[in-house]
Amino acid sequence: MKVILLENVRKIGSIGEIIDVKRGFARNYLISKKKALFASKENIKEVEKIKQELSKKDQDKKKEAKLIDDKIKNKEYEIKKLTTENNELYGSVKPTEISKVIEDEDKVKINPSLIQPSNEIKSIGKFDVLINLHPEVQTQIVIKTISQEEIK
């Protein structure tokens, strides 16, 4: 299915580009999230008209992403969790928890869907977490899990 991209999408394409993707991906992700339109003749003309505006919006998003990147890059965040005797967590640390910790500490709101831990956080220790702030801006943070019992 041919679609026109309304914003830069990592590993897919850039604004105004007409690409061929699978139907499900187009309908369930690109079009539903307003990242693309069906590539009809009317839509192609429409996108050509608003291409500069879309580019400007994308640049603004990129600037905002860079500001967030400067604020949180390589920072370490602590998460306190209940643990078993052999230092494993009851449950794992989810992106929503990471998002909440970042918001509480740095007043930066990050959508949990942008957060990608390198591996599941299921034990005590330090873990690298990748955050995709923009298709061209990624940042790395460290999540340190500690036992709630130690803190008493």
N, C-alpha and C. Protein backbone atom coordinates (compact mmCIF):
# COMPACT_ATOMS: atom_id res chain seq x y z
N MET A 1 0.84 -1.17 0.00
CA MET A 1 0.00 0.00 0.00
C MET A 1 0.89 1.24 0.00
N LYS A 2 0.58 2.18 -0.86
CA LYS A 2 1.38 3.40 -0.95
C LYS A 2 0.80 4.48 -0.02
N VAL A 3 1.70 5.09 0.76
CA VAL A 3 1.31 6.17 1.67
C VAL A 3 2.29 7.33 1.54
N ILE A 4 1.84 8.51 1.96
CA ILE A 4 2.70 9.69 1.99
C ILE A 4 2.99 9.99 3.44
N LEU A 5 4.28 10.12 3.78
CA LEU A 5 4.65 10.38 5.16
C LEU A 5 4.42 11.85 5.52
N LEU A 6 3.83 12.07 6.70
CA LEU A 6 3.58 13.42 7.18
C LEU A 6 4.66 13.85 8.19
N GLU A 7 5.52 12.92 8.59
CA GLU A 7 6.65 13.25 9.46
C GLU A 7 7.76 12.24 9.23
N ASN A 8 8.95 12.55 9.72
CA ASN A 8 10.07 11.63 9.58
C ASN A 8 9.83 10.43 10.47
N VAL A 9 9.94 9.23 9.91
CA VAL A 9 9.76 8.01 10.67
C VAL A 9 11.04 7.20 10.54
N ARG A 10 11.64 6.87 11.68
CA ARG A 10 12.91 6.15 11.71
C ARG A 10 12.85 4.85 10.89
N LYS A 11 13.85 4.65 10.06
CA LYS A 11 14.01 3.45 9.21
C LYS A 11 12.90 3.29 8.16
N ILE A 12 12.03 4.29 8.01
CA ILE A 12 10.95 4.19 7.03
C ILE A 12 11.12 5.25 5.94
N GLY A 13 11.22 6.51 6.34
CA GLY A 13 11.38 7.58 5.36
C GLY A 13 11.20 8.94 5.98
N SER A 14 11.22 9.98 5.12
CA SER A 14 11.11 11.35 5.61
C SER A 14 9.84 12.02 5.08
N ILE A 15 9.59 13.22 5.58
CA ILE A 15 8.37 13.98 5.25
C ILE A 15 8.15 14.09 3.74
N GLY A 16 6.90 13.85 3.32
CA GLY A 16 6.53 14.03 1.92
C GLY A 16 6.89 12.87 1.02
N GLU A 17 7.63 11.91 1.56
CA GLU A 17 8.06 10.77 0.77
C GLU A 17 6.88 9.80 0.56
N ILE A 18 6.78 9.28 -0.65
CA ILE A 18 5.74 8.28 -0.93
C ILE A 18 6.41 6.92 -0.85
N ILE A 19 5.93 6.11 0.09
CA ILE A 19 6.57 4.81 0.31
C ILE A 19 5.53 3.69 0.19
N ASP A 20 6.03 2.48 -0.02
CA ASP A 20 5.18 1.31 -0.12
C ASP A 20 5.37 0.48 1.15
N VAL A 21 4.31 0.31 1.92
CA VAL A 21 4.38 -0.47 3.15
C VAL A 21 3.26 -1.50 3.18
N LYS A 22 3.34 -2.41 4.12
CA LYS A 22 2.28 -3.41 4.25
C LYS A 22 1.00 -2.74 4.74
N ARG A 23 -0.13 -3.27 4.29
CA ARG A 23 -1.45 -2.70 4.62
C ARG A 23 -1.65 -2.51 6.12
N GLY A 24 -1.37 -3.54 6.90
CA GLY A 24 -1.59 -3.50 8.34
C GLY A 24 -0.76 -2.40 9.00
N PHE A 25 0.50 -2.29 8.61
CA PHE A 25 1.39 -1.27 9.17
C PHE A 25 0.87 0.12 8.83
N ALA A 26 0.41 0.28 7.59
CA ALA A 26 -0.12 1.57 7.16
C ALA A 26 -1.36 1.94 7.96
N ARG A 27 -2.32 1.02 8.01
CA ARG A 27 -3.59 1.33 8.69
C ARG A 27 -3.46 1.41 10.20
N ASN A 28 -2.79 0.42 10.80
CA ASN A 28 -2.76 0.32 12.25
C ASN A 28 -1.76 1.25 12.92
N TYR A 29 -0.73 1.65 12.19
CA TYR A 29 0.27 2.50 12.83
C TYR A 29 0.39 3.86 12.15
N LEU A 30 0.84 3.88 10.91
CA LEU A 30 1.13 5.16 10.25
C LEU A 30 -0.10 6.07 10.13
N ILE A 31 -1.20 5.54 9.64
CA ILE A 31 -2.39 6.38 9.42
C ILE A 31 -3.10 6.67 10.75
N SER A 32 -3.20 5.66 11.62
CA SER A 32 -3.90 5.87 12.90
C SER A 32 -3.16 6.86 13.79
N LYS A 33 -1.84 6.93 13.69
CA LYS A 33 -1.05 7.87 14.51
C LYS A 33 -0.80 9.19 13.76
N LYS A 34 -1.47 9.36 12.63
CA LYS A 34 -1.36 10.56 11.79
C LYS A 34 0.07 10.85 11.35
N LYS A 35 0.80 9.78 11.05
CA LYS A 35 2.15 9.91 10.54
C LYS A 35 2.16 9.81 9.01
N ALA A 36 1.02 9.40 8.43
CA ALA A 36 0.95 9.23 6.98
C ALA A 36 -0.49 9.34 6.49
N LEU A 37 -0.63 9.52 5.16
CA LEU A 37 -1.93 9.54 4.49
C LEU A 37 -1.90 8.55 3.34
N PHE A 38 -3.08 8.06 2.92
CA PHE A 38 -3.13 7.23 1.71
C PHE A 38 -2.58 8.05 0.55
N ALA A 39 -1.87 7.43 -0.37
CA ALA A 39 -1.26 8.16 -1.48
C ALA A 39 -2.22 8.31 -2.65
N SER A 40 -3.29 9.07 -2.46
CA SER A 40 -4.19 9.38 -3.56
C SER A 40 -3.70 10.65 -4.25
N LYS A 41 -4.20 10.94 -5.46
CA LYS A 41 -3.75 12.13 -6.19
C LYS A 41 -4.04 13.40 -5.41
N GLU A 42 -5.21 13.46 -4.77
CA GLU A 42 -5.58 14.66 -3.99
C GLU A 42 -4.63 14.83 -2.80
N ASN A 43 -4.35 13.72 -2.10
CA ASN A 43 -3.46 13.79 -0.93
C ASN A 43 -2.04 14.19 -1.32
N ILE A 44 -1.57 13.71 -2.47
CA ILE A 44 -0.23 14.06 -2.93
C ILE A 44 -0.14 15.57 -3.16
N LYS A 45 -1.15 16.14 -3.81
CA LYS A 45 -1.18 17.59 -4.04
C LYS A 45 -1.23 18.35 -2.72
N GLU A 46 -2.06 17.88 -1.81
CA GLU A 46 -2.22 18.51 -0.49
C GLU A 46 -0.90 18.52 0.29
N VAL A 47 -0.21 17.38 0.28
CA VAL A 47 1.05 17.27 1.02
C VAL A 47 2.12 18.18 0.41
N GLU A 48 2.14 18.29 -0.91
CA GLU A 48 3.11 19.20 -1.55
C GLU A 48 2.92 20.63 -1.05
N LYS A 49 1.65 21.03 -0.87
CA LYS A 49 1.36 22.39 -0.39
C LYS A 49 1.85 22.59 1.04
N ILE A 50 1.65 21.60 1.89
CA ILE A 50 1.98 21.79 3.31
C ILE A 50 3.33 21.20 3.71
N LYS A 51 4.15 20.83 2.74
CA LYS A 51 5.44 20.20 3.03
C LYS A 51 6.35 21.09 3.88
N GLN A 52 6.44 22.39 3.53
CA GLN A 52 7.30 23.30 4.31
C GLN A 52 6.82 23.41 5.75
N GLU A 53 5.50 23.50 5.91
CA GLU A 53 4.93 23.60 7.26
C GLU A 53 5.26 22.35 8.07
N LEU A 54 5.14 21.18 7.44
CA LEU A 54 5.45 19.93 8.12
C LEU A 54 6.93 19.86 8.49
N SER A 55 7.77 20.34 7.58
CA SER A 55 9.21 20.37 7.85
C SER A 55 9.53 21.24 9.05
N LYS A 56 8.87 22.39 9.11
CA LYS A 56 9.09 23.32 10.22
C LYS A 56 8.65 22.67 11.54
N LYS A 57 7.49 22.01 11.53
CA LYS A 57 7.00 21.32 12.74
C LYS A 57 7.99 20.25 13.18
N ASP A 58 8.53 19.51 12.21
CA ASP A 58 9.48 18.46 12.51
C ASP A 58 10.76 19.04 13.12
N GLN A 59 11.22 20.18 12.59
CA GLN A 59 12.41 20.84 13.14
C GLN A 59 12.16 21.28 14.59
N ASP A 60 10.95 21.79 14.85
CA ASP A 60 10.60 22.20 16.22
C ASP A 60 10.61 21.01 17.16
N LYS A 61 10.05 19.87 16.69
CA LYS A 61 10.05 18.66 17.50
C LYS A 61 11.48 18.19 17.77
N LYS A 62 12.33 18.34 16.75
CA LYS A 62 13.72 17.92 16.88
C LYS A 62 14.45 18.79 17.91
N LYS A 63 14.20 20.13 17.86
CA LYS A 63 14.82 21.04 18.84
C LYS A 63 14.40 20.68 20.25
N GLU A 64 13.09 20.42 20.42
CA GLU A 64 12.56 20.04 21.72
C GLU A 64 13.21 18.74 22.21
N ALA A 65 13.36 17.78 21.30
CA ALA A 65 13.99 16.50 21.64
C ALA A 65 15.44 16.71 22.06
N LYS A 66 16.14 17.62 21.40
CA LYS A 66 17.55 17.90 21.75
C LYS A 66 17.65 18.54 23.13
N LEU A 67 16.69 19.41 23.48
CA LEU A 67 16.68 20.02 24.81
C LEU A 67 16.49 18.96 25.89
N ILE A 68 15.56 18.04 25.64
CA ILE A 68 15.33 16.94 26.59
C ILE A 68 16.58 16.07 26.67
N ASP A 69 17.20 15.81 25.52
CA ASP A 69 18.43 15.01 25.46
C ASP A 69 19.51 15.64 26.34
N ASP A 70 19.71 16.96 26.21
CA ASP A 70 20.72 17.66 27.01
C ASP A 70 20.44 17.53 28.50
N LYS A 71 19.15 17.53 28.86
CA LYS A 71 18.75 17.48 30.27
C LYS A 71 19.00 16.11 30.91
N ILE A 72 18.71 15.04 30.15
CA ILE A 72 18.73 13.71 30.79
C ILE A 72 19.85 12.78 30.29
N LYS A 73 20.64 13.20 29.33
CA LYS A 73 21.66 12.31 28.73
C LYS A 73 22.61 11.74 29.80
N ASN A 74 22.78 10.44 29.77
CA ASN A 74 23.69 9.70 30.65
C ASN A 74 23.42 9.89 32.14
N LYS A 75 22.22 10.35 32.50
CA LYS A 75 21.89 10.49 33.91
C LYS A 75 21.53 9.13 34.49
N GLU A 76 21.67 9.03 35.81
CA GLU A 76 21.33 7.79 36.48
C GLU A 76 20.11 8.03 37.36
N TYR A 77 19.12 7.17 37.23
CA TYR A 77 17.89 7.28 38.01
C TYR A 77 17.75 6.04 38.89
N GLU A 78 17.35 6.24 40.14
CA GLU A 78 17.18 5.12 41.06
C GLU A 78 15.71 4.72 41.14
N ILE A 79 15.49 3.42 41.12
CA ILE A 79 14.14 2.89 41.31
C ILE A 79 14.21 1.89 42.46
N LYS A 80 13.37 2.10 43.47
CA LYS A 80 13.34 1.21 44.64
C LYS A 80 12.22 0.19 44.45
N LYS A 81 12.59 -1.09 44.57
CA LYS A 81 11.62 -2.16 44.38
C LYS A 81 11.78 -3.22 45.47
N LEU A 82 10.72 -3.95 45.73
CA LEU A 82 10.81 -5.08 46.64
C LEU A 82 11.61 -6.19 45.97
N THR A 83 12.45 -6.89 46.77
CA THR A 83 13.30 -7.92 46.19
C THR A 83 13.20 -9.22 46.97
N THR A 84 13.63 -10.32 46.32
CA THR A 84 13.71 -11.62 46.97
C THR A 84 15.08 -11.72 47.65
N GLU A 85 15.34 -12.85 48.33
CA GLU A 85 16.63 -13.03 49.01
C GLU A 85 17.80 -13.05 48.02
N ASN A 86 17.58 -13.56 46.81
CA ASN A 86 18.67 -13.64 45.84
C ASN A 86 18.68 -12.43 44.89
N ASN A 87 18.30 -11.27 45.40
CA ASN A 87 18.38 -9.97 44.69
C ASN A 87 17.63 -9.90 43.36
N GLU A 88 16.54 -10.61 43.25
CA GLU A 88 15.68 -10.49 42.08
C GLU A 88 14.46 -9.67 42.46
N LEU A 89 13.96 -8.90 41.50
CA LEU A 89 12.82 -8.04 41.78
C LEU A 89 11.51 -8.81 41.71
N TYR A 90 10.54 -8.38 42.53
CA TYR A 90 9.18 -8.90 42.37
C TYR A 90 8.59 -8.14 41.19
N GLY A 91 8.51 -8.77 40.04
CA GLY A 91 8.08 -8.07 38.82
C GLY A 91 9.28 -7.37 38.21
N SER A 92 9.08 -6.75 37.07
CA SER A 92 10.18 -6.04 36.41
C SER A 92 9.88 -4.55 36.36
N VAL A 93 10.91 -3.78 36.05
CA VAL A 93 10.74 -2.32 35.91
C VAL A 93 10.24 -2.05 34.50
N LYS A 94 9.08 -1.44 34.39
CA LYS A 94 8.43 -1.17 33.11
C LYS A 94 8.73 0.25 32.63
N PRO A 95 8.61 0.50 31.31
CA PRO A 95 8.82 1.85 30.77
C PRO A 95 7.95 2.92 31.44
N THR A 96 6.73 2.56 31.87
CA THR A 96 5.88 3.55 32.54
C THR A 96 6.50 4.01 33.85
N GLU A 97 7.13 3.09 34.59
CA GLU A 97 7.81 3.46 35.84
C GLU A 97 9.00 4.36 35.56
N ILE A 98 9.76 4.02 34.52
CA ILE A 98 10.93 4.82 34.15
C ILE A 98 10.49 6.23 33.77
N SER A 99 9.41 6.32 32.97
CA SER A 99 8.86 7.60 32.56
C SER A 99 8.47 8.44 33.77
N LYS A 100 7.83 7.80 34.74
CA LYS A 100 7.38 8.51 35.96
C LYS A 100 8.57 9.02 36.76
N VAL A 101 9.62 8.21 36.89
CA VAL A 101 10.81 8.61 37.65
C VAL A 101 11.48 9.82 36.99
N ILE A 102 11.59 9.80 35.66
CA ILE A 102 12.20 10.92 34.93
C ILE A 102 11.36 12.18 35.13
N GLU A 103 10.04 12.03 35.04
CA GLU A 103 9.15 13.19 35.22
C GLU A 103 9.26 13.76 36.64
N ASP A 104 9.32 12.88 37.65
CA ASP A 104 9.43 13.34 39.04
C ASP A 104 10.75 14.06 39.30
N GLU A 105 11.85 13.52 38.77
CA GLU A 105 13.17 14.10 39.05
C GLU A 105 13.49 15.31 38.20
N ASP A 106 13.22 15.26 36.90
CA ASP A 106 13.65 16.32 35.99
C ASP A 106 12.52 17.12 35.37
N LYS A 107 11.28 16.84 35.74
CA LYS A 107 10.12 17.55 35.18
C LYS A 107 10.08 17.46 33.65
N VAL A 108 10.48 16.29 33.13
CA VAL A 108 10.47 16.05 31.68
C VAL A 108 9.49 14.92 31.41
N LYS A 109 8.48 15.20 30.57
CA LYS A 109 7.47 14.18 30.27
C LYS A 109 7.92 13.38 29.04
N ILE A 110 8.07 12.06 29.22
CA ILE A 110 8.48 11.19 28.13
C ILE A 110 7.46 10.07 27.99
N ASN A 111 6.97 9.89 26.78
CA ASN A 111 6.00 8.84 26.51
C ASN A 111 6.66 7.47 26.74
N PRO A 112 6.05 6.58 27.54
CA PRO A 112 6.65 5.27 27.81
C PRO A 112 6.95 4.46 26.54
N SER A 113 6.21 4.69 25.46
CA SER A 113 6.46 3.94 24.22
C SER A 113 7.81 4.29 23.59
N LEU A 114 8.42 5.40 24.00
CA LEU A 114 9.72 5.82 23.46
C LEU A 114 10.88 5.19 24.23
N ILE A 115 10.57 4.57 25.36
CA ILE A 115 11.62 4.03 26.24
C ILE A 115 11.87 2.57 25.92
N GLN A 116 13.17 2.23 25.68
CA GLN A 116 13.55 0.87 25.33
C GLN A 116 14.70 0.38 26.21
N PRO A 117 14.39 -0.38 27.27
CA PRO A 117 15.48 -0.96 28.06
C PRO A 117 16.26 -1.96 27.20
N SER A 118 17.61 -2.02 27.37
CA SER A 118 18.41 -2.93 26.55
C SER A 118 18.07 -4.39 26.86
N ASN A 119 17.79 -4.72 28.13
CA ASN A 119 17.23 -6.01 28.48
C ASN A 119 16.24 -5.79 29.61
N GLU A 120 15.43 -6.81 29.90
CA GLU A 120 14.42 -6.65 30.95
C GLU A 120 15.10 -6.39 32.28
N ILE A 121 14.52 -5.46 33.04
CA ILE A 121 15.09 -5.10 34.34
C ILE A 121 14.36 -5.93 35.39
N LYS A 122 15.00 -7.05 35.81
CA LYS A 122 14.36 -7.98 36.73
C LYS A 122 15.19 -8.23 37.99
N SER A 123 16.34 -7.56 38.11
CA SER A 123 17.18 -7.78 39.28
C SER A 123 17.80 -6.45 39.73
N ILE A 124 18.50 -6.51 40.86
CA ILE A 124 19.17 -5.30 41.37
C ILE A 124 20.41 -5.05 40.52
N GLY A 125 20.68 -3.79 40.22
CA GLY A 125 21.87 -3.44 39.44
C GLY A 125 21.64 -2.20 38.60
N LYS A 126 22.57 -1.98 37.66
CA LYS A 126 22.46 -0.84 36.75
C LYS A 126 22.15 -1.35 35.35
N PHE A 127 21.23 -0.65 34.69
CA PHE A 127 20.79 -1.08 33.36
C PHE A 127 20.75 0.11 32.41
N ASP A 128 21.27 -0.09 31.20
CA ASP A 128 21.21 0.96 30.18
C ASP A 128 19.83 0.97 29.55
N VAL A 129 19.31 2.19 29.34
CA VAL A 129 17.99 2.34 28.73
C VAL A 129 18.10 3.35 27.60
N LEU A 130 17.61 2.99 26.43
CA LEU A 130 17.62 3.86 25.26
C LEU A 130 16.28 4.57 25.16
N ILE A 131 16.33 5.88 24.88
CA ILE A 131 15.09 6.64 24.71
C ILE A 131 15.11 7.30 23.34
N ASN A 132 14.10 6.99 22.52
CA ASN A 132 13.97 7.57 21.18
C ASN A 132 13.12 8.83 21.28
N LEU A 133 13.76 9.98 21.38
CA LEU A 133 13.04 11.24 21.54
C LEU A 133 12.49 11.76 20.21
N HIS A 134 13.15 11.40 19.13
CA HIS A 134 12.82 11.88 17.78
C HIS A 134 13.49 10.89 16.83
N PRO A 135 13.01 10.74 15.59
CA PRO A 135 13.68 9.79 14.69
C PRO A 135 15.19 10.05 14.53
N GLU A 136 15.63 11.29 14.76
CA GLU A 136 17.06 11.61 14.62
C GLU A 136 17.75 11.87 15.95
N VAL A 137 17.00 11.79 17.07
CA VAL A 137 17.59 12.07 18.39
C VAL A 137 17.28 10.93 19.34
N GLN A 138 18.37 10.28 19.79
CA GLN A 138 18.25 9.23 20.79
C GLN A 138 19.13 9.60 21.97
N THR A 139 18.75 9.14 23.15
CA THR A 139 19.58 9.39 24.32
C THR A 139 19.65 8.13 25.16
N GLN A 140 20.65 8.08 26.01
CA GLN A 140 20.88 6.91 26.85
C GLN A 140 20.83 7.35 28.32
N ILE A 141 20.12 6.59 29.15
CA ILE A 141 20.14 6.84 30.59
C ILE A 141 20.46 5.53 31.29
N VAL A 142 20.74 5.61 32.59
CA VAL A 142 21.03 4.42 33.38
C VAL A 142 19.97 4.32 34.48
N ILE A 143 19.37 3.15 34.60
CA ILE A 143 18.42 2.89 35.67
C ILE A 143 19.11 2.00 36.69
N LYS A 144 19.16 2.48 37.93
CA LYS A 144 19.77 1.71 39.00
C LYS A 144 18.66 1.21 39.91
N THR A 145 18.52 -0.12 39.98
CA THR A 145 17.48 -0.68 40.84
C THR A 145 18.10 -1.02 42.18
N ILE A 146 17.41 -0.61 43.26
CA ILE A 146 17.89 -0.93 44.61
C ILE A 146 16.75 -1.53 45.41
N SER A 147 17.12 -2.30 46.42
CA SER A 147 16.11 -2.97 47.26
C SER A 147 15.49 -1.99 48.23
N GLN A 148 14.19 -2.09 48.43
CA GLN A 148 13.53 -1.21 49.40
C GLN A 148 13.93 -1.55 50.82
N GLU A 149 14.27 -2.80 51.09
CA GLU A 149 14.63 -3.20 52.45
C GLU A 149 15.93 -2.54 52.91
N GLU A 150 16.89 -2.34 52.00
CA GLU A 150 18.19 -1.75 52.35
C GLU A 150 18.07 -0.32 52.85
N ILE A 151 17.05 0.37 52.45
CA ILE A 151 16.94 1.79 52.66
C ILE A 151 16.54 2.16 54.10
N LYS A 152 15.83 1.31 54.79
CA LYS A 152 15.28 1.53 56.13
C LYS A 152 15.93 2.63 56.94
